[in-house]
Each structure stands twice: as C-alpha cells, then as structure tokens.
C-alpha cells in the first residue's frame, strides 16, 4: 500500500511543480526528452513504476532534485 501512496505523491508533486512553473505537459515532455504519453501517465498515476532515469529527466527539466519529486505531499488544513 505504501507503494501506491508514494506513486500518488510522485504524480502530485510533478503536476504541482510543473504548474507552479507554468509549464504545460507537452513542454515538460520536450524539456525532459520524454514522450508526452509518459508525462501524462505519470501525472495521472497510471505509470506503475517510473524509472529512476525518467525521474532524473523530469527533475532536471523542472530544476528540482529527485527528492522533491518523491517527498510526501503536505496537506494544509488551514492552520
């Protein structure tokens, strides 16, 4: 079950970071030298096992570390 949670975190983190930087999925795919389908599937949580190489490419394209992609999503309850 923790694998599903971490994959969900990866998907959420990539989407959040991409949107914060104002980058569309198509642009991220080009910056990361990956297919658009890979980006879409990872963000949708449909990629069951993104490789470290894929995560490295995405992290580099977003200007973040792999740790940023893997970290747990913090939930703000308005406190």
Protein backbone atom coordinates (compact mmCIF):
# COMPACT_ATOMS: atom_id res chain seq x y z
CA UNK A 1 0.00 0.00 0.00
CA UNK A 2 2.84 2.40 0.69
CA UNK A 3 3.93 1.98 -2.94
CA UNK A 4 0.59 3.34 -4.10
CA UNK A 5 0.91 6.28 -1.74
CA UNK A 6 4.42 7.10 -2.96
CA UNK A 7 3.37 6.82 -6.60
CA UNK A 8 0.48 9.12 -5.88
CA UNK A 9 2.94 11.55 -4.27
CA UNK A 10 5.19 11.42 -7.32
CA UNK A 11 2.25 12.18 -9.61
CA UNK A 12 1.02 15.02 -7.39
CA UNK A 13 4.48 16.51 -6.94
CA UNK A 14 5.30 16.51 -10.64
CA UNK A 15 1.97 18.10 -11.53
CA UNK A 16 2.26 20.69 -8.73
CA UNK A 17 5.84 21.65 -9.62
CA UNK A 18 5.04 21.80 -13.32
CA UNK A 19 2.02 24.03 -12.76
CA UNK A 20 3.93 26.29 -10.34
CA UNK A 21 6.49 26.87 -13.09
CA UNK A 22 3.78 27.48 -15.69
CA UNK A 23 4.93 24.58 -17.86
CA UNK A 24 2.46 22.55 -19.91
CA UNK A 25 2.79 18.76 -20.09
CA UNK A 26 3.88 18.99 -23.72
CA UNK A 27 6.67 21.43 -22.85
CA UNK A 28 7.82 19.29 -19.91
CA UNK A 29 7.99 16.25 -22.18
CA UNK A 30 10.28 18.16 -24.55
CA UNK A 31 12.44 19.60 -21.76
CA UNK A 32 12.81 16.13 -20.22
CA UNK A 33 13.28 14.40 -23.60
CA UNK A 34 10.39 12.05 -22.82
CA UNK A 35 7.20 11.29 -24.70
CA UNK A 36 4.10 13.28 -23.81
CA UNK A 37 2.39 9.97 -23.07
CA UNK A 38 4.91 9.20 -20.32
CA UNK A 39 4.33 12.58 -18.62
CA UNK A 40 0.54 12.27 -18.89
CA UNK A 41 0.56 8.73 -17.49
CA UNK A 42 2.86 9.57 -14.59
CA UNK A 43 0.80 12.61 -13.59
CA UNK A 44 -2.42 10.61 -13.86
CA UNK A 45 -0.94 7.91 -11.63
CA UNK A 46 -1.18 5.38 -14.46
CA UNK A 47 2.55 4.67 -14.68
CA UNK A 48 3.03 1.94 -12.09
CA UNK A 49 6.81 2.22 -11.96
CA UNK A 50 8.57 5.29 -13.35
CA UNK A 51 12.28 4.53 -13.69
CA UNK A 52 14.96 6.48 -11.88
CA UNK A 53 16.18 7.66 -15.30
CA UNK A 54 12.72 9.04 -16.07
CA UNK A 55 12.52 10.75 -12.69
CA UNK A 56 16.00 12.21 -13.18
CA UNK A 57 14.98 13.69 -16.53
CA UNK A 58 11.78 15.18 -15.11
CA UNK A 59 13.58 16.57 -12.05
CA UNK A 60 16.25 18.18 -14.23
CA UNK A 61 13.62 19.67 -16.55
CA UNK A 62 11.79 21.14 -13.55
CA UNK A 63 15.00 22.33 -11.90
CA UNK A 64 14.46 20.28 -8.75
CA UNK A 65 16.00 17.25 -7.08
CA UNK A 66 14.56 13.77 -7.30
CA UNK A 67 13.88 14.12 -3.57
CA UNK A 68 11.41 16.90 -4.41
CA UNK A 69 9.52 14.52 -6.70
CA UNK A 70 9.46 11.76 -4.09
CA UNK A 71 8.58 13.73 -0.97
CA UNK A 72 5.27 13.26 0.76
CA UNK A 73 2.66 15.77 -0.17
CA UNK A 74 1.93 18.08 2.74
CA UNK A 75 -1.70 18.78 3.36
CA UNK A 76 -2.57 22.24 4.61
CA UNK A 77 -5.65 22.14 6.80
CA UNK A 78 -5.82 25.90 7.03
CA UNK A 79 -3.77 26.14 10.22
